[in-house]
Amino acid sequence: MHGHSYKFTIYVQGEVNPESGWVVDFHDIKLAIAPTVDELDHQVLNSVLGLENPTAENITIWLWNRIKPLLPQLSKIHLKETETSGCVYEGAN
């Protein structure tokens, strides 16, 4: 077994609210992803339900499936496994 310090970036898209100037408030993004981040933080990913094979690709799909229902504006997840490797997921077509 080995470990990584994964980092992921989420992207949103949509119409900019003319009053706020945002597609979605960063605070609302943070609230939407916090439970998912807490579920993964300092865990053996193989032990997390649905991540028995925690490849970067499977992790991004897992993240998508949890975050998209809470953040409909989600358009892309970029997961970095190391400084030079990772993947991008934009949802199922």
N, C-alpha and C. Protein backbone atom coordinates (compact mmCIF):
# COMPACT_ATOMS: atom_id res chain seq x y z
N MET A 1 0.85 -1.18 0.00
CA MET A 1 0.00 0.00 0.00
C MET A 1 0.89 1.24 0.00
N HIS A 2 0.44 2.24 -0.71
CA HIS A 2 1.14 3.51 -0.71
C HIS A 2 0.10 4.63 -0.68
N GLY A 3 0.55 5.83 -0.47
CA GLY A 3 -0.41 6.92 -0.36
C GLY A 3 -0.05 8.11 -1.23
N HIS A 4 -1.02 8.97 -1.37
CA HIS A 4 -0.86 10.22 -2.11
C HIS A 4 -1.53 11.33 -1.33
N SER A 5 -1.11 12.53 -1.58
CA SER A 5 -1.82 13.71 -1.07
C SER A 5 -2.56 14.30 -2.25
N TYR A 6 -3.74 13.77 -2.50
CA TYR A 6 -4.54 14.22 -3.64
C TYR A 6 -4.99 15.65 -3.44
N LYS A 7 -5.08 16.36 -4.55
CA LYS A 7 -5.69 17.69 -4.58
C LYS A 7 -6.66 17.69 -5.74
N PHE A 8 -7.83 18.26 -5.52
CA PHE A 8 -8.75 18.35 -6.65
C PHE A 8 -9.31 19.75 -6.74
N THR A 9 -9.60 20.11 -7.97
CA THR A 9 -10.18 21.41 -8.29
C THR A 9 -11.51 21.14 -8.96
N ILE A 10 -12.53 21.86 -8.52
CA ILE A 10 -13.81 21.73 -9.20
C ILE A 10 -14.06 23.01 -10.00
N TYR A 11 -14.76 22.83 -11.09
CA TYR A 11 -15.10 23.93 -11.99
C TYR A 11 -16.61 23.98 -12.10
N VAL A 12 -17.12 25.18 -12.15
CA VAL A 12 -18.55 25.38 -12.35
C VAL A 12 -18.76 26.21 -13.60
N GLN A 13 -19.93 26.07 -14.18
CA GLN A 13 -20.28 26.91 -15.32
C GLN A 13 -21.76 27.21 -15.27
N GLY A 14 -22.11 28.32 -15.85
CA GLY A 14 -23.50 28.74 -15.89
C GLY A 14 -23.57 30.24 -16.08
N GLU A 15 -24.76 30.73 -15.98
CA GLU A 15 -24.97 32.17 -16.12
C GLU A 15 -24.50 32.91 -14.88
N VAL A 16 -23.87 34.03 -15.09
CA VAL A 16 -23.43 34.87 -13.97
C VAL A 16 -24.64 35.64 -13.45
N ASN A 17 -24.87 35.52 -12.15
CA ASN A 17 -25.96 36.26 -11.52
C ASN A 17 -25.60 37.75 -11.56
N PRO A 18 -26.45 38.57 -12.19
CA PRO A 18 -26.10 40.00 -12.34
C PRO A 18 -26.02 40.73 -11.00
N GLU A 19 -26.69 40.25 -9.98
CA GLU A 19 -26.64 40.92 -8.68
C GLU A 19 -25.38 40.57 -7.90
N SER A 20 -25.03 39.28 -7.89
CA SER A 20 -23.86 38.85 -7.10
C SER A 20 -22.57 38.91 -7.91
N GLY A 21 -22.68 38.74 -9.24
CA GLY A 21 -21.49 38.68 -10.08
C GLY A 21 -20.85 37.30 -10.13
N TRP A 22 -21.53 36.30 -9.57
CA TRP A 22 -20.99 34.94 -9.51
C TRP A 22 -21.90 33.96 -10.23
N VAL A 23 -21.30 32.86 -10.65
CA VAL A 23 -22.08 31.71 -11.10
C VAL A 23 -22.62 31.03 -9.84
N VAL A 24 -21.74 30.85 -8.86
CA VAL A 24 -22.12 30.32 -7.54
C VAL A 24 -21.12 30.86 -6.53
N ASP A 25 -21.59 31.21 -5.37
CA ASP A 25 -20.75 31.75 -4.30
C ASP A 25 -19.75 30.68 -3.85
N PHE A 26 -18.48 31.05 -3.68
CA PHE A 26 -17.46 30.11 -3.24
C PHE A 26 -17.82 29.49 -1.88
N HIS A 27 -18.46 30.25 -1.03
CA HIS A 27 -18.90 29.72 0.27
C HIS A 27 -19.88 28.56 0.07
N ASP A 28 -20.79 28.70 -0.88
CA ASP A 28 -21.75 27.63 -1.17
C ASP A 28 -21.04 26.40 -1.74
N ILE A 29 -20.01 26.62 -2.54
CA ILE A 29 -19.21 25.51 -3.06
C ILE A 29 -18.56 24.76 -1.91
N LYS A 30 -17.96 25.53 -1.00
CA LYS A 30 -17.29 24.93 0.15
C LYS A 30 -18.26 24.09 0.98
N LEU A 31 -19.45 24.61 1.21
CA LEU A 31 -20.46 23.87 1.96
C LEU A 31 -20.87 22.59 1.24
N ALA A 32 -20.96 22.65 -0.08
CA ALA A 32 -21.39 21.49 -0.86
C ALA A 32 -20.35 20.37 -0.86
N ILE A 33 -19.07 20.73 -0.87
CA ILE A 33 -18.04 19.70 -0.97
C ILE A 33 -17.50 19.24 0.39
N ALA A 34 -17.73 20.00 1.45
CA ALA A 34 -17.15 19.68 2.76
C ALA A 34 -17.44 18.26 3.24
N PRO A 35 -18.69 17.76 3.16
CA PRO A 35 -18.92 16.40 3.64
C PRO A 35 -18.15 15.35 2.84
N THR A 36 -17.99 15.57 1.56
CA THR A 36 -17.25 14.63 0.72
C THR A 36 -15.77 14.66 1.06
N VAL A 37 -15.22 15.85 1.24
CA VAL A 37 -13.81 15.97 1.62
C VAL A 37 -13.59 15.30 2.97
N ASP A 38 -14.48 15.54 3.92
CA ASP A 38 -14.36 14.93 5.24
C ASP A 38 -14.40 13.40 5.16
N GLU A 39 -15.19 12.87 4.24
CA GLU A 39 -15.30 11.43 4.09
C GLU A 39 -13.99 10.80 3.60
N LEU A 40 -13.19 11.56 2.86
CA LEU A 40 -11.95 11.05 2.28
C LEU A 40 -10.71 11.38 3.09
N ASP A 41 -10.74 12.49 3.80
CA ASP A 41 -9.55 13.01 4.47
C ASP A 41 -8.98 12.02 5.47
N HIS A 42 -7.71 11.70 5.31
CA HIS A 42 -6.98 10.79 6.20
C HIS A 42 -7.62 9.40 6.30
N GLN A 43 -8.13 8.91 5.18
CA GLN A 43 -8.73 7.58 5.14
C GLN A 43 -7.94 6.67 4.21
N VAL A 44 -8.05 5.39 4.45
CA VAL A 44 -7.55 4.40 3.50
C VAL A 44 -8.62 4.31 2.42
N LEU A 45 -8.33 4.84 1.24
CA LEU A 45 -9.37 4.96 0.22
C LEU A 45 -9.95 3.62 -0.19
N ASN A 46 -9.16 2.56 -0.16
CA ASN A 46 -9.68 1.23 -0.49
C ASN A 46 -10.81 0.81 0.44
N SER A 47 -10.88 1.41 1.63
CA SER A 47 -11.91 1.08 2.62
C SER A 47 -13.16 1.93 2.48
N VAL A 48 -13.12 2.96 1.63
CA VAL A 48 -14.28 3.83 1.43
C VAL A 48 -15.23 3.16 0.45
N LEU A 49 -16.49 3.05 0.84
CA LEU A 49 -17.49 2.40 -0.01
C LEU A 49 -17.52 3.04 -1.40
N GLY A 50 -17.31 2.22 -2.41
CA GLY A 50 -17.29 2.71 -3.79
C GLY A 50 -15.90 3.01 -4.31
N LEU A 51 -14.90 2.99 -3.42
CA LEU A 51 -13.53 3.27 -3.84
C LEU A 51 -12.61 2.09 -3.57
N GLU A 52 -13.11 0.90 -3.71
CA GLU A 52 -12.30 -0.28 -3.47
C GLU A 52 -11.11 -0.35 -4.43
N ASN A 53 -11.23 0.28 -5.59
CA ASN A 53 -10.14 0.40 -6.56
C ASN A 53 -9.92 1.90 -6.81
N PRO A 54 -9.20 2.57 -5.90
CA PRO A 54 -9.13 4.04 -5.93
C PRO A 54 -8.11 4.60 -6.93
N THR A 55 -8.34 4.34 -8.20
CA THR A 55 -7.52 4.99 -9.22
C THR A 55 -7.94 6.45 -9.30
N ALA A 56 -7.11 7.28 -9.88
CA ALA A 56 -7.47 8.69 -10.04
C ALA A 56 -8.78 8.82 -10.80
N GLU A 57 -8.95 7.99 -11.83
CA GLU A 57 -10.17 8.04 -12.63
C GLU A 57 -11.40 7.68 -11.79
N ASN A 58 -11.28 6.61 -11.00
CA ASN A 58 -12.41 6.20 -10.16
C ASN A 58 -12.71 7.21 -9.07
N ILE A 59 -11.68 7.85 -8.54
CA ILE A 59 -11.91 8.86 -7.51
C ILE A 59 -12.67 10.05 -8.09
N THR A 60 -12.30 10.50 -9.30
CA THR A 60 -13.01 11.65 -9.87
C THR A 60 -14.47 11.32 -10.15
N ILE A 61 -14.75 10.11 -10.60
CA ILE A 61 -16.15 9.70 -10.83
C ILE A 61 -16.89 9.66 -9.50
N TRP A 62 -16.26 9.11 -8.47
CA TRP A 62 -16.85 9.04 -7.14
C TRP A 62 -17.16 10.45 -6.62
N LEU A 63 -16.19 11.35 -6.77
CA LEU A 63 -16.40 12.75 -6.35
C LEU A 63 -17.57 13.37 -7.11
N TRP A 64 -17.58 13.18 -8.42
CA TRP A 64 -18.64 13.74 -9.27
C TRP A 64 -20.01 13.29 -8.79
N ASN A 65 -20.15 12.00 -8.55
CA ASN A 65 -21.45 11.44 -8.16
C ASN A 65 -21.94 11.97 -6.83
N ARG A 66 -21.05 12.43 -5.97
CA ARG A 66 -21.45 13.01 -4.69
C ARG A 66 -21.67 14.51 -4.75
N ILE A 67 -20.86 15.19 -5.55
CA ILE A 67 -20.92 16.65 -5.57
C ILE A 67 -21.98 17.17 -6.54
N LYS A 68 -22.13 16.57 -7.70
CA LYS A 68 -23.04 17.09 -8.74
C LYS A 68 -24.47 17.28 -8.24
N PRO A 69 -25.04 16.34 -7.45
CA PRO A 69 -26.41 16.58 -6.96
C PRO A 69 -26.52 17.79 -6.04
N LEU A 70 -25.43 18.14 -5.36
CA LEU A 70 -25.43 19.27 -4.44
C LEU A 70 -25.03 20.57 -5.12
N LEU A 71 -24.36 20.45 -6.24
CA LEU A 71 -23.83 21.61 -6.96
C LEU A 71 -24.08 21.41 -8.45
N PRO A 72 -25.30 21.68 -8.91
CA PRO A 72 -25.66 21.41 -10.30
C PRO A 72 -24.79 22.14 -11.32
N GLN A 73 -24.15 23.23 -10.92
CA GLN A 73 -23.30 23.99 -11.83
C GLN A 73 -21.95 23.33 -12.06
N LEU A 74 -21.67 22.22 -11.36
CA LEU A 74 -20.41 21.51 -11.53
C LEU A 74 -20.23 21.10 -12.99
N SER A 75 -19.07 21.44 -13.55
CA SER A 75 -18.82 21.11 -14.95
C SER A 75 -17.58 20.24 -15.16
N LYS A 76 -16.66 20.25 -14.17
CA LYS A 76 -15.42 19.51 -14.36
C LYS A 76 -14.75 19.32 -13.01
N ILE A 77 -14.07 18.18 -12.86
CA ILE A 77 -13.22 17.93 -11.69
C ILE A 77 -11.83 17.58 -12.21
N HIS A 78 -10.83 18.26 -11.67
CA HIS A 78 -9.43 17.98 -12.02
C HIS A 78 -8.77 17.45 -10.75
N LEU A 79 -8.35 16.20 -10.78
CA LEU A 79 -7.71 15.56 -9.63
C LEU A 79 -6.22 15.40 -9.90
N LYS A 80 -5.40 15.86 -8.97
CA LYS A 80 -3.95 15.70 -9.08
C LYS A 80 -3.51 14.65 -8.06
N GLU A 81 -2.89 13.59 -8.57
CA GLU A 81 -2.36 12.53 -7.72
C GLU A 81 -0.95 12.89 -7.27
N THR A 82 -0.20 13.46 -8.20
CA THR A 82 1.14 13.99 -7.92
C THR A 82 1.24 15.31 -8.68
N GLU A 83 2.39 15.94 -8.61
CA GLU A 83 2.57 17.19 -9.35
C GLU A 83 2.48 16.99 -10.86
N THR A 84 2.77 15.77 -11.32
CA THR A 84 2.82 15.53 -12.76
C THR A 84 1.78 14.54 -13.27
N SER A 85 0.91 14.06 -12.41
CA SER A 85 -0.09 13.10 -12.89
C SER A 85 -1.45 13.35 -12.24
N GLY A 86 -2.46 13.03 -12.99
CA GLY A 86 -3.83 13.20 -12.51
C GLY A 86 -4.79 12.99 -13.65
N CYS A 87 -6.01 13.40 -13.46
CA CYS A 87 -7.00 13.26 -14.54
C CYS A 87 -8.06 14.33 -14.41
N VAL A 88 -8.81 14.48 -15.48
CA VAL A 88 -9.92 15.42 -15.55
C VAL A 88 -11.17 14.63 -15.89
N TYR A 89 -12.26 14.94 -15.18
CA TYR A 89 -13.55 14.27 -15.45
C TYR A 89 -14.61 15.35 -15.64
N GLU A 90 -15.38 15.20 -16.71
CA GLU A 90 -16.42 16.17 -17.04
C GLU A 90 -17.81 15.55 -17.06
N GLY A 91 -17.99 14.45 -16.34
CA GLY A 91 -19.29 13.80 -16.28
C GLY A 91 -19.48 12.83 -17.42
N ALA A 92 -20.47 11.97 -17.25
CA ALA A 92 -20.77 10.98 -18.29
C ALA A 92 -21.47 11.67 -19.46
N ASN A 93 -21.16 11.24 -20.64
CA ASN A 93 -21.79 11.81 -21.84
C ASN A 93 -23.05 11.07 -22.19
